[in-house]
Protein backbone atom coordinates (compact mmCIF):
# COMPACT_ATOMS: atom_id res chain seq x y z
CA MET A 1 -0.37 -16.61 -13.27
CA ALA A 2 2.47 -17.26 -10.87
CA GLU A 3 1.48 -17.96 -7.29
CA PHE A 4 2.63 -15.30 -4.86
CA GLU A 5 3.56 -17.92 -2.30
CA LYS A 6 6.55 -18.87 -4.47
CA LEU A 7 8.34 -15.68 -3.44
CA ASP A 8 11.27 -16.51 -1.19
CA PRO A 9 11.48 -13.84 1.55
CA ASN A 10 15.03 -14.96 2.36
CA ALA A 11 16.33 -14.62 -1.15
CA PRO A 12 18.56 -11.60 -1.90
CA ARG A 13 16.63 -8.84 -3.63
CA GLY A 14 18.69 -7.10 -6.25
CA PRO A 15 17.39 -4.27 -8.41
CA ALA A 16 14.12 -5.52 -9.90
CA GLU A 17 12.84 -4.49 -13.27
CA ILE A 18 10.43 -1.57 -12.93
CA PRO A 19 8.21 -0.21 -15.70
CA SER A 20 9.79 2.84 -17.27
CA LEU A 21 9.01 5.99 -15.33
CA ALA A 22 9.02 7.87 -18.62
CA ALA A 23 6.04 5.80 -19.73
CA ALA A 24 4.27 6.02 -16.39
CA ASP A 25 0.92 7.73 -16.13
CA LYS A 26 1.80 10.83 -14.15
CA ARG A 27 -0.96 12.70 -12.39
CA PRO A 28 -0.28 16.45 -12.21
CA ASP A 29 -4.01 16.93 -11.64
CA VAL A 30 -3.74 15.42 -8.16
CA GLN A 31 -3.14 18.40 -5.90
CA ILE A 32 -1.36 17.76 -2.61
CA ASP A 33 -1.05 20.41 0.07
CA ARG A 34 2.45 19.57 1.27
CA SER A 35 2.29 22.17 4.04
CA LYS A 36 -0.20 19.97 5.89
CA ILE A 37 2.05 16.91 5.87
CA VAL A 38 4.05 17.45 9.04
CA ASP A 39 5.13 15.47 12.05
CA VAL A 40 4.34 16.22 15.69
CA TYR A 41 7.04 18.88 15.70
CA GLY A 42 5.54 20.74 12.76
CA ASN A 43 8.34 19.78 10.38
CA PRO A 44 7.52 18.81 6.77
CA LEU A 45 7.70 15.25 5.50
CA LYS A 46 11.31 14.24 4.90
CA TYR A 47 13.18 10.99 4.34
CA GLY A 48 16.75 10.20 5.28
CA LYS A 49 19.16 8.64 7.75
CA ASP A 50 20.21 11.49 10.03
CA PRO A 51 19.63 10.18 13.60
CA ASN A 52 19.96 13.72 14.97
CA ASP A 53 17.07 15.08 12.91
CA ARG A 54 13.85 13.82 14.47
CA SER A 55 11.77 15.24 11.62
CA ILE A 56 13.22 12.65 9.24
CA LEU A 57 11.55 9.28 8.99
CA GLY A 58 14.27 6.67 8.55
CA PRO A 59 15.85 3.48 9.88
CA ASP A 60 16.54 5.16 13.23
CA ASP A 61 12.85 5.47 14.00
CA ASP A 62 11.11 3.17 16.42
CA ILE A 63 8.29 1.98 14.19
CA PRO A 64 5.51 0.73 16.47
CA ALA A 65 3.95 -2.71 16.43
CA VAL A 66 0.18 -2.56 16.09
CA LYS A 67 -1.91 -5.63 16.79
CA GLN A 68 -5.56 -6.03 15.84
CA ASP A 69 -8.21 -8.45 17.06
CA LEU A 70 -10.18 -10.23 14.35
CA PRO A 71 -13.11 -12.63 14.65
CA PRO A 72 -11.96 -16.29 14.82
CA GLY A 73 -11.55 -17.78 11.35
CA SER A 74 -12.20 -14.49 9.59
CA LEU A 75 -10.09 -11.64 8.29
CA ARG A 76 -12.75 -8.99 8.96
CA ASP A 77 -15.94 -8.41 10.88
CA ARG A 78 -18.24 -8.07 7.88
CA SER A 79 -21.01 -6.51 9.96
CA LEU A 80 -18.93 -3.31 10.06
CA TYR A 81 -19.27 -2.86 6.29
CA PRO A 82 -22.26 -1.88 4.14
CA SER A 83 -24.48 -4.74 2.99
CA LEU A 84 -23.87 -3.54 -0.58
CA PHE A 85 -20.35 -4.96 -0.49
CA PRO A 86 -20.18 -8.08 -2.71
CA ALA A 87 -19.52 -11.08 -0.47
CA THR A 88 -16.85 -12.32 -2.85
CA LEU A 89 -14.88 -9.11 -2.33
CA PHE A 90 -14.01 -10.22 1.21
CA LEU A 91 -12.84 -13.58 -0.10
CA ALA A 92 -10.82 -11.96 -2.88
CA GLU A 93 -9.07 -9.78 -0.34
CA GLU A 94 -8.33 -12.67 1.99
CA ARG A 95 -7.13 -15.10 -0.67
CA TYR A 96 -5.48 -12.77 -3.18
CA VAL A 97 -4.55 -9.44 -1.59
CA LEU A 98 -3.60 -10.60 1.91
CA PRO A 99 -0.55 -12.74 0.94
CA MET A 100 1.02 -9.83 -0.97
CA ALA A 101 0.16 -7.31 1.75
CA GLN A 102 1.66 -9.50 4.46
CA TYR A 103 4.80 -10.04 2.42
CA VAL A 104 5.35 -6.31 1.88
CA ALA A 105 4.56 -5.44 5.50
CA ASN A 106 6.63 -8.17 7.12
CA SER A 107 9.51 -8.72 4.70
CA ILE A 108 10.03 -5.29 3.15
CA VAL A 109 8.78 -2.63 5.57
CA ASP A 110 9.10 -4.78 8.72
CA VAL A 111 5.87 -3.66 10.42
CA ASP A 112 2.62 -5.37 11.37
CA LEU A 113 -0.08 -5.36 8.71
CA ILE A 114 -3.25 -3.61 9.91
CA ASP A 115 -6.61 -2.83 8.32
CA GLU A 116 -8.04 0.61 7.60
CA LYS A 117 -10.34 0.60 10.62
CA THR A 118 -7.45 -0.12 12.97
CA TYR A 119 -5.41 2.62 11.29
CA ALA A 120 -8.28 5.10 11.69
CA LYS A 121 -8.34 4.50 15.45
CA LEU A 122 -4.65 5.29 15.97
CA GLN A 123 -3.69 8.53 17.68
CA PRO A 124 -2.70 11.31 15.23
CA GLN A 125 0.65 11.68 16.99
CA LEU A 126 1.45 8.05 16.19
CA LYS A 127 0.33 8.38 12.58
CA GLU A 128 2.42 11.53 12.07
CA ARG A 129 5.57 9.86 13.30
CA SER A 130 5.51 6.44 11.68
CA ILE A 131 5.01 4.30 8.60
CA PHE A 132 2.18 1.79 8.26
CA CYS A 133 1.07 -0.95 5.88
CA VAL A 134 -2.70 -0.85 5.62
CA LEU A 135 -5.05 -3.43 4.13
CA ASP A 136 -7.95 -1.35 2.82
CA ILE A 137 -11.36 -2.44 1.57
CA SER A 138 -13.23 0.78 2.30
CA ALA A 139 -13.56 2.23 -1.20
CA PRO A 140 -14.63 -0.36 -3.80
CA GLU A 141 -16.17 0.77 -7.10
CA VAL A 142 -18.59 -1.63 -8.79
CA HIS A 143 -19.17 -1.29 -12.53
CA SER A 144 -20.62 -3.87 -14.93
CA GLY A 145 -19.74 -6.86 -12.80
CA MET A 146 -16.27 -5.53 -11.95
CA VAL A 147 -15.06 -4.38 -8.55
CA ARG A 148 -12.06 -2.07 -8.46
CA TRP A 149 -10.44 -0.88 -5.25
CA PRO A 150 -7.21 0.52 -3.77
CA GLY A 151 -6.64 -2.47 -1.54
CA PHE A 152 -3.20 -1.98 -0.02
CA ARG A 153 -1.55 1.25 1.12
CA VAL A 154 1.86 2.20 2.47
CA VAL A 155 1.25 5.30 4.58
CA CYS A 156 4.14 7.49 5.76
CA LYS A 157 3.27 10.22 8.29
CA GLN A 158 -0.40 10.13 7.24
CA PHE A 159 0.61 10.43 3.57
CA ASP A 160 -0.05 7.62 1.08
CA VAL A 161 3.30 7.02 -0.62
CA ALA A 162 2.31 3.76 -2.37
CA THR A 163 -1.06 2.18 -3.16
CA VAL A 164 -1.77 -1.10 -4.94
CA TYR A 165 -5.00 -1.31 -6.97
CA PHE A 166 -6.95 -4.49 -7.66
CA GLN A 167 -9.87 -5.62 -9.82
CA LEU A 168 -12.31 -8.47 -9.19
CA ASP A 169 -14.39 -9.96 -12.00
CA LEU A 170 -17.53 -11.10 -10.18
CA GLY A 171 -18.62 -13.37 -13.06
CA LEU A 172 -15.31 -15.20 -13.36
CA ASN A 173 -14.39 -14.81 -9.69
CA LEU A 174 -10.98 -13.65 -10.90
CA THR A 175 -8.83 -11.04 -9.16
CA ILE A 176 -5.90 -9.20 -10.75
CA THR A 177 -3.46 -6.47 -9.75
CA THR A 178 -3.92 -3.53 -12.12
CA HIS A 179 -1.39 -0.90 -11.05
CA VAL A 180 0.63 0.70 -8.29
CA ARG A 181 0.40 4.42 -7.54
CA VAL A 182 3.52 5.94 -5.97
CA TRP A 183 4.44 9.46 -4.90
CA GLU A 184 7.50 10.86 -6.70
CA SER A 185 9.14 13.37 -4.36
CA GLN A 186 11.35 14.87 -7.08
CA THR A 187 8.41 15.88 -9.28
CA GLN A 188 5.95 16.30 -6.40
CA ARG A 189 3.24 14.23 -8.03
CA TYR A 190 1.81 10.73 -8.20
CA MET A 191 2.57 8.30 -10.99
CA ASN A 192 0.82 5.05 -11.88
CA LEU A 193 2.85 1.98 -12.79
CA GLY A 194 0.88 -0.74 -14.54
CA ASP A 195 -2.20 -0.89 -16.73
CA ARG A 196 -4.71 1.87 -16.01
CA SER A 197 -7.08 0.34 -18.57
CA PHE A 198 -7.60 -2.60 -16.16
CA LEU A 199 -6.98 -5.11 -18.94
CA LYS A 200 -3.61 -6.53 -17.94
CA ASP A 201 -2.47 -8.17 -14.74
CA LEU A 202 0.58 -6.45 -13.26
CA THR A 203 0.79 -9.41 -10.82
CA ARG A 204 1.27 -9.27 -7.08
CA GLU A 205 4.93 -10.17 -7.43
CA LYS A 206 5.62 -7.16 -9.64
CA ALA A 207 3.64 -4.88 -7.33
CA ALA A 208 5.77 -6.01 -4.37
CA GLU A 209 8.96 -5.45 -6.36
CA ILE A 210 7.83 -1.97 -7.37
CA ILE A 211 7.14 -1.02 -3.75
CA ASP A 212 10.47 -2.47 -2.60
CA ASN A 213 12.44 -0.55 -5.22
CA TYR A 214 10.39 2.58 -4.68
CA LEU A 215 11.03 2.68 -0.92
CA VAL A 216 14.76 2.23 -1.52
CA ARG A 217 14.90 4.80 -4.33
CA GLU A 218 13.08 7.41 -2.26
CA GLY A 219 15.21 6.63 0.81
CA ILE A 220 12.16 6.00 2.97
CA LEU A 221 13.49 2.87 4.64
CA LYS A 222 17.06 2.15 3.59
């Protein structure tokens, strides 16, 4: 497996290969109440570049910097999480998920990476106006020695537009990236890019490329 650290953040990023959308696992069963996704002015979620339309999230927005205080030498305060969490899950997040999450947040979206507890404490008005990159360890599922969790989220106006899913094999102490779930505005539904059977590693590099291309294609950032 290629090491994520080999990615050059200064290298030009042309169109990356993305798994065919025609073959993607689309989820019409996921119902989203779009009327509830509004900004502080009551306008629906929109993307674009019109500086005169404040209901559009785009490059003209002042995306806030959010800092978080973490215990020295640790990514998280583990006492805030249930004792049922496998200890190796914290290490997997720190060693495997964090490099990819930081790369996407800093080099693609250009915001500070925060965790889900910091995001939860933000004022609703701030959430409804901005885009955030959130490291999330709040919802792991443990089955037969495997831990699966949606570990990294790109949230736009309180709406998850992209989520990267991971799997940790507790016996082998091996972590892989299984798939990326993105919201397709044209079809108004989520689609999964990658291996939903959890057998193949999409890789962190490919997940980052998918998010980069997705944000450009949807006009969320550029």
